[in-house]
Amino acid sequence: MFYRLITVVGGLLFVIILFALIWFFCKQFLLRHGVKEQVSDRATVLATWTFAGVSVGLVFAVLGAFILGPWAFYRTLRGHDTEVSDGAAIWWGFGIVVASLGITAAGFLGFLKLVGAY
């Protein structure tokens, strides 16, 4: 029972880490593309919708995260009037989703191995 509790708490921690990674990458994206005003607020909105897309996509057979996440990133980015081409926005969204999920998954698998659940 104790390991289940540790695993649930660890899982919640990694969900927070996933959102933090998406937010960080979104902020770096905005800074790289010359956004100077309200960068943290814009990054939060962009990360929230990208995270929502990833979350819904994970429910629908994991591969959906790699479709809905970048799509949510692209749609939200279009609402911010950032001067980025459509193709670049989609590829950046895909890269942010892949990097964030990859780092989080590797960390979570390490955590599961550490507690003996894997």
C-alpha atoms as a PDB file:
ATOM      1  CA  MET A   1       0.000   0.000   0.000  1.00  0.00           C
ATOM      2  CA  PHE A   2       2.857   2.377   0.819  1.00  0.00           C
ATOM      3  CA  TYR A   3       4.369   1.900  -2.656  1.00  0.00           C
ATOM      4  CA  ARG A   4       1.040   2.737  -4.254  1.00  0.00           C
ATOM      5  CA  LEU A   5       0.910   5.993  -2.314  1.00  0.00           C
ATOM      6  CA  ILE A   6       4.477   6.833  -3.299  1.00  0.00           C
ATOM      7  CA  THR A   7       3.680   6.032  -6.933  1.00  0.00           C
ATOM      8  CA  VAL A   8       0.537   8.224  -6.947  1.00  0.00           C
ATOM      9  CA  VAL A   9       2.386  11.128  -5.316  1.00  0.00           C
ATOM     10  CA  GLY A  10       5.285  10.625  -7.735  1.00  0.00           C
ATOM     11  CA  GLY A  11       2.856  10.558 -10.662  1.00  0.00           C
ATOM     12  CA  LEU A  12       1.300  13.839  -9.559  1.00  0.00           C
ATOM     13  CA  LEU A  13       4.751  15.337  -9.185  1.00  0.00           C
ATOM     14  CA  PHE A  14       5.626  14.294 -12.732  1.00  0.00           C
ATOM     15  CA  VAL A  15       2.393  15.833 -14.065  1.00  0.00           C
ATOM     16  CA  ILE A  16       3.517  19.114 -12.493  1.00  0.00           C
ATOM     17  CA  ILE A  17       6.973  18.641 -13.998  1.00  0.00           C
ATOM     18  CA  LEU A  18       5.422  18.000 -17.433  1.00  0.00           C
ATOM     19  CA  PHE A  19       3.472  21.254 -17.267  1.00  0.00           C
ATOM     20  CA  ALA A  20       6.562  23.126 -16.063  1.00  0.00           C
ATOM     21  CA  LEU A  21       8.613  21.772 -18.974  1.00  0.00           C
ATOM     22  CA  ILE A  22       5.935  22.711 -21.503  1.00  0.00           C
ATOM     23  CA  TRP A  23       5.722  26.204 -19.961  1.00  0.00           C
ATOM     24  CA  PHE A  24       9.512  26.623 -20.047  1.00  0.00           C
ATOM     25  CA  PHE A  25       9.752  25.536 -23.686  1.00  0.00           C
ATOM     26  CA  CYS A  26       6.819  27.776 -24.659  1.00  0.00           C
ATOM     27  CA  LYS A  27       8.466  30.741 -22.944  1.00  0.00           C
ATOM     28  CA  GLN A  28      11.754  30.052 -24.719  1.00  0.00           C
ATOM     29  CA  PHE A  29       9.872  29.795 -28.015  1.00  0.00           C
ATOM     30  CA  LEU A  30       8.207  33.174 -27.471  1.00  0.00           C
ATOM     31  CA  LEU A  31      11.465  34.847 -26.448  1.00  0.00           C
ATOM     32  CA  ARG A  32      13.254  33.373 -29.468  1.00  0.00           C
ATOM     33  CA  HIS A  33      10.583  34.795 -31.757  1.00  0.00           C
ATOM     34  CA  GLY A  34      10.823  38.317 -30.392  1.00  0.00           C
ATOM     35  CA  VAL A  35       7.862  38.473 -28.027  1.00  0.00           C
ATOM     36  CA  LYS A  36       8.728  41.030 -25.346  1.00  0.00           C
ATOM     37  CA  GLU A  37       5.396  41.974 -23.743  1.00  0.00           C
ATOM     38  CA  GLN A  38       3.722  39.739 -21.154  1.00  0.00           C
ATOM     39  CA  VAL A  39       5.952  36.794 -22.001  1.00  0.00           C
ATOM     40  CA  SER A  40       5.143  34.848 -18.823  1.00  0.00           C
ATOM     41  CA  ASP A  41       1.391  35.342 -19.241  1.00  0.00           C
ATOM     42  CA  ARG A  42       1.478  34.377 -22.901  1.00  0.00           C
ATOM     43  CA  ALA A  43       3.659  31.362 -22.116  1.00  0.00           C
ATOM     44  CA  THR A  44       1.178  30.293 -19.433  1.00  0.00           C
ATOM     45  CA  VAL A  45      -1.771  30.466 -21.836  1.00  0.00           C
ATOM     46  CA  LEU A  46       0.195  28.695 -24.570  1.00  0.00           C
ATOM     47  CA  ALA A  47       1.407  26.008 -22.151  1.00  0.00           C
ATOM     48  CA  THR A  48      -2.048  25.496 -20.648  1.00  0.00           C
ATOM     49  CA  TRP A  49      -3.658  24.776 -24.005  1.00  0.00           C
ATOM     50  CA  THR A  50      -0.725  22.665 -25.178  1.00  0.00           C
ATOM     51  CA  PHE A  51      -0.869  20.682 -21.912  1.00  0.00           C
ATOM     52  CA  ALA A  52      -4.630  20.240 -22.354  1.00  0.00           C
ATOM     53  CA  GLY A  53      -4.082  18.940 -25.881  1.00  0.00           C
ATOM     54  CA  VAL A  54      -1.397  16.535 -24.682  1.00  0.00           C
ATOM     55  CA  SER A  55      -3.584  15.344 -21.796  1.00  0.00           C
ATOM     56  CA  VAL A  56      -6.601  14.650 -23.974  1.00  0.00           C
ATOM     57  CA  GLY A  57      -4.341  13.046 -26.571  1.00  0.00           C
ATOM     58  CA  LEU A  58      -2.815  10.718 -23.981  1.00  0.00           C
ATOM     59  CA  VAL A  59      -6.275   9.423 -23.119  1.00  0.00           C
ATOM     60  CA  PHE A  60      -6.823   8.507 -26.768  1.00  0.00           C
ATOM     61  CA  ALA A  61      -4.087   5.953 -27.345  1.00  0.00           C
ATOM     62  CA  VAL A  62      -0.916   7.891 -26.481  1.00  0.00           C
ATOM     63  CA  LEU A  63      -0.261   8.890 -30.124  1.00  0.00           C
ATOM     64  CA  GLY A  64      -3.031  11.463 -29.867  1.00  0.00           C
ATOM     65  CA  ALA A  65      -0.775  13.539 -27.620  1.00  0.00           C
ATOM     66  CA  PHE A  66       1.564  14.073 -30.556  1.00  0.00           C
ATOM     67  CA  ILE A  67      -1.329  15.325 -32.687  1.00  0.00           C
ATOM     68  CA  LEU A  68      -3.523  17.266 -30.258  1.00  0.00           C
ATOM     69  CA  GLY A  69      -0.617  18.861 -28.351  1.00  0.00           C
ATOM     70  CA  PRO A  70       1.001  20.524 -31.389  1.00  0.00           C
ATOM     71  CA  TRP A  71      -2.432  21.418 -32.769  1.00  0.00           C
ATOM     72  CA  ALA A  72      -3.379  23.160 -29.507  1.00  0.00           C
ATOM     73  CA  PHE A  73       0.001  24.940 -29.521  1.00  0.00           C
ATOM     74  CA  TYR A  74      -0.576  26.095 -33.110  1.00  0.00           C
ATOM     75  CA  ARG A  75      -4.159  27.273 -32.508  1.00  0.00           C
ATOM     76  CA  THR A  76      -3.217  29.179 -29.363  1.00  0.00           C
ATOM     77  CA  LEU A  77      -0.171  30.720 -31.047  1.00  0.00           C
ATOM     78  CA  ARG A  78      -2.377  31.993 -33.884  1.00  0.00           C
ATOM     79  CA  GLY A  79      -4.470  33.833 -31.277  1.00  0.00           C
ATOM     80  CA  HIS A  80      -1.391  35.697 -30.028  1.00  0.00           C
ATOM     81  CA  ASP A  81      -0.498  37.255 -33.405  1.00  0.00           C
ATOM     82  CA  THR A  82       3.060  35.940 -33.281  1.00  0.00           C
ATOM     83  CA  GLU A  83       4.834  36.223 -36.604  1.00  0.00           C
ATOM     84  CA  VAL A  84       5.692  32.577 -37.186  1.00  0.00           C
ATOM     85  CA  SER A  85       4.834  30.551 -40.254  1.00  0.00           C
ATOM     86  CA  ASP A  86       2.215  27.838 -39.925  1.00  0.00           C
ATOM     87  CA  GLY A  87       4.709  25.062 -40.595  1.00  0.00           C
ATOM     88  CA  ALA A  88       7.201  26.396 -38.058  1.00  0.00           C
ATOM     89  CA  ALA A  89       4.469  26.745 -35.433  1.00  0.00           C
ATOM     90  CA  ILE A  90       3.362  23.142 -35.913  1.00  0.00           C
ATOM     91  CA  TRP A  91       6.926  21.792 -35.837  1.00  0.00           C
ATOM     92  CA  TRP A  92       7.814  23.870 -32.780  1.00  0.00           C
ATOM     93  CA  GLY A  93       4.674  22.580 -31.053  1.00  0.00           C
ATOM     94  CA  PHE A  94       5.607  19.020 -31.953  1.00  0.00           C
ATOM     95  CA  GLY A  95       9.143  19.538 -30.662  1.00  0.00           C
ATOM     96  CA  ILE A  96       7.910  21.009 -27.391  1.00  0.00           C
ATOM     97  CA  VAL A  97       5.525  18.087 -26.879  1.00  0.00           C
ATOM     98  CA  VAL A  98       8.145  15.448 -27.742  1.00  0.00           C
ATOM     99  CA  ALA A  99      10.844  17.005 -25.545  1.00  0.00           C
ATOM    100  CA  SER A 100       8.520  17.527 -22.575  1.00  0.00           C
ATOM    101  CA  LEU A 101       6.992  14.059 -22.730  1.00  0.00           C
ATOM    102  CA  GLY A 102      10.382  12.417 -23.308  1.00  0.00           C
ATOM    103  CA  ILE A 103      12.030  14.084 -20.331  1.00  0.00           C
ATOM    104  CA  THR A 104       9.036  13.412 -18.092  1.00  0.00           C
ATOM    105  CA  ALA A 105       8.682   9.776 -19.197  1.00  0.00           C
ATOM    106  CA  ALA A 106      12.384   9.077 -18.636  1.00  0.00           C
ATOM    107  CA  GLY A 107      12.214  10.628 -15.186  1.00  0.00           C
ATOM    108  CA  PHE A 108       9.052   8.742 -14.268  1.00  0.00           C
ATOM    109  CA  LEU A 109      10.466   5.404 -15.423  1.00  0.00           C
ATOM    110  CA  GLY A 110      13.551   6.105 -13.320  1.00  0.00           C
ATOM    111  CA  PHE A 111      11.294   6.919 -10.372  1.00  0.00           C
ATOM    112  CA  LEU A 112       9.327   3.677 -10.816  1.00  0.00           C
ATOM    113  CA  LYS A 113      12.554   1.701 -10.979  1.00  0.00           C
ATOM    114  CA  LEU A 114      13.812   3.468  -7.835  1.00  0.00           C
ATOM    115  CA  VAL A 115      10.725   2.485  -5.822  1.00  0.00           C
ATOM    116  CA  GLY A 116      10.746  -1.056  -7.203  1.00  0.00           C
ATOM    117  CA  ALA A 117       7.524  -0.812  -9.196  1.00  0.00           C
ATOM    118  CA  TYR A 118       9.208  -1.352 -12.550  1.00  0.00           C
END
